[in-house]
Protein backbone atom coordinates (compact mmCIF):
# COMPACT_ATOMS: atom_id res chain seq x y z
CA MET A 1 127.98 60.83 110.58
CA ASP A 2 126.61 60.80 106.73
CA CYS A 3 123.03 59.20 107.67
CA LYS A 4 121.55 57.81 104.66
CA HIS A 5 117.91 57.27 105.95
CA GLU A 6 115.45 59.87 106.44
CA ILE A 7 116.04 62.71 109.23
CA ILE A 8 112.82 64.45 111.32
CA ILE A 9 113.19 67.18 113.81
CA ASP A 10 112.13 66.14 117.36
CA GLU A 11 112.43 68.61 120.29
CA GLY A 12 114.62 70.85 118.64
CA GLU A 13 117.08 67.52 117.41
CA GLN A 14 117.68 65.93 113.82
CA VAL A 15 117.06 62.10 114.25
CA CYS A 16 117.71 59.64 111.84
CA THR A 17 114.29 57.82 111.81
CA VAL A 18 115.64 54.29 111.11
CA CYS A 19 118.77 53.66 113.66
CA GLY A 20 118.01 56.73 116.18
CA THR A 21 121.28 58.45 115.76
CA VAL A 22 121.24 62.08 116.78
CA MET A 23 122.56 63.91 113.70
CA GLY A 24 122.62 67.95 115.08
CA THR A 25 120.01 70.04 116.75
CA VAL A 26 118.17 73.18 115.12
CA ILE A 27 118.19 76.39 116.45
CA ASP A 28 114.61 78.06 116.82
CA GLU A 29 115.15 81.66 115.88
CA GLY A 30 111.54 82.49 117.36
CA ALA A 31 110.21 84.58 120.09
CA GLU A 32 111.74 82.44 122.79
CA TRP A 33 108.51 81.89 125.98
CA ARG A 34 109.75 81.52 129.64
CA ASN A 35 108.00 81.43 132.62
CA TYR A 36 109.83 83.25 135.84
CA ASP A 37 107.05 82.25 138.36
CA GLN A 38 107.82 83.59 142.10
CA GLY A 39 104.70 82.62 143.59
CA LYS A 40 103.20 86.17 143.05
CA GLY A 41 100.56 84.54 141.41
CA GLY A 42 98.96 85.82 137.53
CA ASP A 43 100.56 84.95 134.34
CA GLN A 44 104.32 85.21 135.14
CA CYS A 45 105.10 84.30 131.23
CA ARG A 46 107.44 86.16 129.15
CA THR A 47 108.64 86.24 125.28
CA GLY A 48 111.37 87.69 123.81
CA PHE A 49 111.45 89.70 120.18
CA THR A 50 110.86 87.90 117.30
CA THR A 51 113.70 87.55 114.32
CA SER A 52 113.13 90.62 112.45
CA ASP A 53 113.36 90.58 108.86
CA LEU A 54 114.98 93.65 107.94
CA LEU A 55 117.94 93.28 110.86
CA PRO A 56 117.74 89.59 111.69
CA GLU A 57 121.29 90.28 113.39
CA SER A 58 119.96 92.64 115.90
CA SER A 59 116.49 91.75 117.18
CA TYR A 60 117.32 88.87 118.91
CA GLY A 61 115.69 89.36 122.37
CA SER A 62 118.94 88.19 125.02
CA ILE A 63 120.84 91.06 125.63
CA MET A 64 122.92 91.58 129.09
CA SER A 65 121.87 94.48 131.16
CA PHE A 66 123.73 97.30 132.75
CA ARG A 67 121.11 97.06 135.72
CA GLY A 68 123.00 95.48 138.90
CA ILE A 69 126.27 96.23 137.73
CA THR A 70 128.23 98.90 140.05
CA SER A 71 130.63 101.03 138.90
CA LYS A 72 133.79 98.95 140.69
CA ASP A 73 132.43 95.78 138.14
CA THR A 74 134.78 96.35 135.45
CA SER A 75 134.85 92.91 134.21
CA LEU A 76 130.79 92.55 134.27
CA LYS A 77 130.98 96.12 132.50
CA ALA A 78 133.32 95.28 129.86
CA ILE A 79 131.40 91.96 129.22
CA GLN A 80 127.76 93.83 128.92
CA ARG A 81 129.97 95.92 126.63
CA LEU A 82 131.19 93.36 124.27
CA SER A 83 127.97 91.91 124.61
CA SER A 84 126.21 94.68 123.23
CA TRP A 85 128.65 95.13 120.45
CA SER A 86 127.99 91.56 119.28
CA LEU A 87 124.25 92.02 118.83
CA SER A 88 125.16 94.24 115.59
CA SER A 89 127.84 94.13 113.08
CA ASN A 90 129.33 97.20 110.74
CA SER A 91 126.18 95.86 108.08
CA GLN A 92 123.54 96.01 110.41
CA ARG A 93 124.56 99.17 111.92
CA SER A 94 124.90 100.61 108.54
CA TRP A 95 121.40 99.25 108.03
CA MET A 96 119.75 101.04 111.05
CA SER A 97 121.03 104.50 110.13
CA ILE A 98 119.00 103.89 106.54
CA PHE A 99 115.77 102.96 108.15
CA ASP A 100 116.55 105.61 110.82
CA ALA A 101 116.32 108.50 108.67
CA ILE A 102 113.81 106.91 106.36
CA GLN A 103 111.64 106.81 109.42
CA LEU A 104 112.75 110.61 110.96
CA SER A 105 111.38 111.91 107.50
CA CYS A 106 108.34 109.90 107.57
CA SER A 107 107.34 110.61 110.74
CA HIS A 108 108.43 114.84 110.15
CA ALA A 109 105.72 114.21 106.77
CA GLY A 110 102.93 112.43 109.52
CA LEU A 111 102.99 109.23 107.72
CA PRO A 112 102.10 105.92 109.05
CA LYS A 113 104.02 103.12 110.10
CA ALA A 114 102.83 100.47 107.62
CA ILE A 115 104.45 103.00 105.13
CA VAL A 116 107.71 103.48 106.77
CA MET A 117 108.08 99.67 107.21
CA ASP A 118 106.86 99.01 103.94
CA ALA A 119 109.54 101.40 102.43
CA CYS A 120 112.33 100.10 104.36
CA GLY A 121 111.60 96.35 102.77
CA LEU A 122 111.45 97.84 99.79
CA TYR A 123 114.84 99.81 100.09
CA LYS A 124 116.90 96.78 101.55
CA LYS A 125 115.73 94.41 98.48
CA LEU A 126 118.11 96.91 96.39
CA GLU A 127 121.02 95.67 94.95
CA ASP A 128 124.19 97.36 96.75
CA ALA A 129 121.73 99.46 98.17
CA GLN A 130 124.09 100.41 101.12
CA LYS A 131 126.88 100.96 98.74
CA VAL A 132 125.74 104.47 97.47
CA ARG A 133 126.10 107.51 99.18
CA GLY A 134 125.17 111.35 99.12
CA GLU A 135 122.02 112.33 97.32
CA THR A 136 121.84 109.15 95.37
CA ARG A 137 121.15 107.73 98.53
CA ARG A 138 118.48 110.10 99.51
CA SER A 139 116.76 109.68 96.19
CA MET A 140 116.48 105.89 96.40
CA MET A 141 115.02 106.25 100.13
CA GLY A 142 112.76 108.49 98.97
CA GLY A 143 111.97 106.64 95.95
CA ALA A 144 111.01 103.68 98.39
CA VAL A 145 108.62 106.11 100.19
CA PHE A 146 106.96 107.11 97.16
CA VAL A 147 106.46 103.65 95.93
CA ALA A 148 105.38 102.68 99.50
CA CYS A 149 102.81 105.80 99.84
CA ARG A 150 101.11 104.62 96.68
CA ASN A 151 100.89 100.64 97.82
CA HIS A 152 99.11 102.07 100.85
CA ASP A 153 96.75 104.12 98.33
CA ALA A 154 98.30 107.14 99.82
CA PRO A 155 100.62 108.69 97.22
CA ARG A 156 102.16 111.70 97.66
CA SER A 157 103.79 113.86 94.59
CA HIS A 158 106.61 114.11 93.58
CA GLU A 159 107.81 117.42 94.62
CA GLU A 160 106.65 116.56 98.37
CA ILE A 161 108.96 113.15 98.69
CA ALA A 162 111.54 115.32 97.07
CA LYS A 163 111.32 118.11 99.29
CA MET A 164 111.24 115.07 102.05
CA PHE A 165 114.59 113.64 101.45
CA LEU A 166 116.30 117.13 100.43
CA VAL A 167 116.61 115.68 96.73
CA ASN A 168 116.10 117.28 92.78
CA ILE A 169 112.90 115.68 91.36
CA ARG A 170 115.26 114.39 88.28
CA SER A 171 117.15 112.38 90.95
CA LEU A 172 113.93 111.08 92.50
CA CYS A 173 112.21 110.06 88.93
CA LYS A 174 115.52 108.07 87.93
CA ALA A 175 115.31 106.47 91.60
CA ILE A 176 111.68 105.44 91.30
CA THR A 177 112.49 103.52 88.13
CA HIS A 178 114.23 100.83 90.33
CA PHE A 179 110.89 99.97 92.27
CA GLU A 180 108.66 100.39 89.35
CA SER A 181 106.27 97.78 88.13
CA THR A 182 104.39 97.17 85.17
CA GLU A 183 101.11 98.92 86.28
CA ASN A 184 100.26 102.49 85.74
CA SER A 185 102.05 104.06 88.29
CA VAL A 186 101.63 107.44 86.84
CA LEU A 187 97.41 106.96 87.30
CA LYS A 188 97.76 106.44 90.46
CA THR A 189 99.75 108.70 91.41
CA GLU A 190 97.11 111.34 89.88
CA ILE A 191 94.47 110.07 91.20
CA GLY A 192 95.95 110.50 94.82
CA ILE A 193 96.86 113.79 94.45
CA ALA A 194 93.11 114.83 93.01
CA GLU A 195 91.52 113.14 95.63
CA ARG A 196 93.44 115.59 98.03
CA LEU A 197 92.84 118.61 95.87
CA CYS A 198 89.26 118.03 95.87
CA ALA A 199 89.17 117.53 99.29
CA SER A 200 91.29 121.02 100.07
CA LEU A 201 88.68 122.71 97.39
CA SER A 202 85.46 120.96 98.67
CA LEU A 203 84.23 119.70 95.23
CA ASN A 204 80.93 117.43 95.24
CA ASP A 205 80.99 114.00 94.39
CA GLU A 206 79.88 114.58 90.88
CA GLN A 207 82.95 116.78 90.24
CA ARG A 208 85.22 114.04 91.69
CA ASP A 209 84.02 111.87 89.31
CA ASN A 210 84.11 113.62 86.18
CA ILE A 211 87.68 114.26 87.59
CA MET A 212 88.86 110.67 87.74
CA GLY A 213 86.64 109.82 84.15
CA LEU A 214 88.94 112.50 82.96
CA LEU A 215 92.56 111.68 84.04
CA LEU A 216 91.39 107.98 83.33
CA GLU A 217 91.05 109.21 79.64
CA ILE A 218 94.25 111.32 79.38
CA SER A 219 96.15 107.71 80.92
CA THR A 220 95.24 106.30 77.65
CA LYS A 221 96.91 108.58 74.99
CA SER A 222 100.32 109.89 73.92
CA GLU A 223 102.89 110.79 76.40
CA ASP A 224 103.41 113.69 73.60
CA GLU A 225 100.02 115.04 73.76
CA PHE A 226 100.62 115.63 77.86
CA GLU A 227 104.16 116.09 78.37
CA HIS A 228 103.09 117.91 82.25
CA THR A 229 104.13 116.25 85.25
CA PRO A 230 101.20 114.29 87.18
CA LYS A 231 99.89 117.39 89.27
CA THR A 232 100.56 119.89 86.69
CA ILE A 233 97.76 117.54 84.64
CA VAL A 234 95.46 117.00 88.08
CA ALA A 235 95.53 120.86 88.37
CA GLY A 236 94.47 121.36 84.87
CA VAL A 237 91.73 118.96 84.70
CA VAL A 238 90.20 120.21 88.05
CA ALA A 239 89.88 123.87 87.05
CA HIS A 240 88.41 122.13 83.90
CA ILE A 241 85.69 120.33 85.33
CA MET A 242 85.21 123.57 87.85
CA GLY A 243 84.54 125.81 84.38
CA LEU A 244 87.33 128.24 85.35
CA LYS A 245 87.97 130.00 82.08
CA THR A 246 90.65 132.81 82.93
CA LYS A 247 93.95 132.80 84.87
CA THR A 248 92.89 135.00 87.90
CA GLN A 249 90.08 132.78 88.65
CA MET A 250 92.26 129.65 88.22
CA LYS A 251 94.53 131.43 91.22
CA VAL A 252 92.55 129.42 93.72
CA VAL A 253 93.44 126.08 92.25
CA SER A 254 97.03 127.44 92.09
CA ASP A 255 97.04 128.30 95.65
CA ALA A 256 95.73 124.68 96.58
CA SER A 257 97.69 122.83 94.16
CA GLY A 258 101.13 124.80 94.21
CA VAL A 259 101.36 124.74 89.98
CA SER A 260 101.35 128.46 88.23
CA ALA A 261 98.00 129.72 86.83
CA LEU A 262 99.99 129.64 83.39
CA SER A 263 100.76 126.11 83.67
CA ILE A 264 96.86 125.13 84.67
CA HIS A 265 95.92 128.03 81.94
CA LYS A 266 97.65 125.93 79.46
CA ILE A 267 96.17 122.22 80.49
CA VAL A 268 92.96 123.85 80.66
CA GLN A 269 93.65 125.02 76.87
CA LYS A 270 93.96 121.92 75.49
CA PHE A 271 91.10 120.70 76.57
CA VAL A 272 89.18 123.19 75.03
CA ASN A 273 90.62 123.22 72.08
CA ALA A 274 90.60 119.21 71.56
């Protein structure tokens, strides 16, 4: 029936405000509350799962359990199996495998759940994210984690993320561009790396402030002037602020950052000759 009057929702039904005709029903996909009170006292309320934005078709709380089904109840076992199959489509299972891979890599690296969930959300927003395979998919997952870490003020270097997902840095950098915003993401990465490097070298507050200030100054200069990775630039800045002059002295920064003493020396020389 096509009613021309205003429709309201009352107790899960779409009702016409003029004639009172029930036009249809509304299914609430939120958490479902039930009270299984058996006279045992206490609060017997229970609730099902809320619908997940990542896996909306696989997050309903009503399932048919194997519990209580004997080996002779073949018909019930068949119904339970069909019930479990219907909970997730092929598309949902594909998303599950992607999210599981992201979660596994992040857990091995000690990253918190907030970053994992953010990375999964970023990945799912990509166009044709399910169609890519192999290194391209791993690079995309790495790119999502890289941006999620930066969004949570816990940035990781390109090398760390590339190692987590077994991809080369070039593929990772290309994947990151799918998630980039207009803000200075390179500076954010450099600052995060600098904070961790300063902590490992036990630098004082004055040295840390000078390092952050110099990184901010470098971010305003031409890219041609500093054609290096963020980690190399940070290592050079730290060595310069520490007053290290020779490659031998710079070895302590090299060991802490993973950047060669030669590369660090080249960065320091740019500051000396400036």
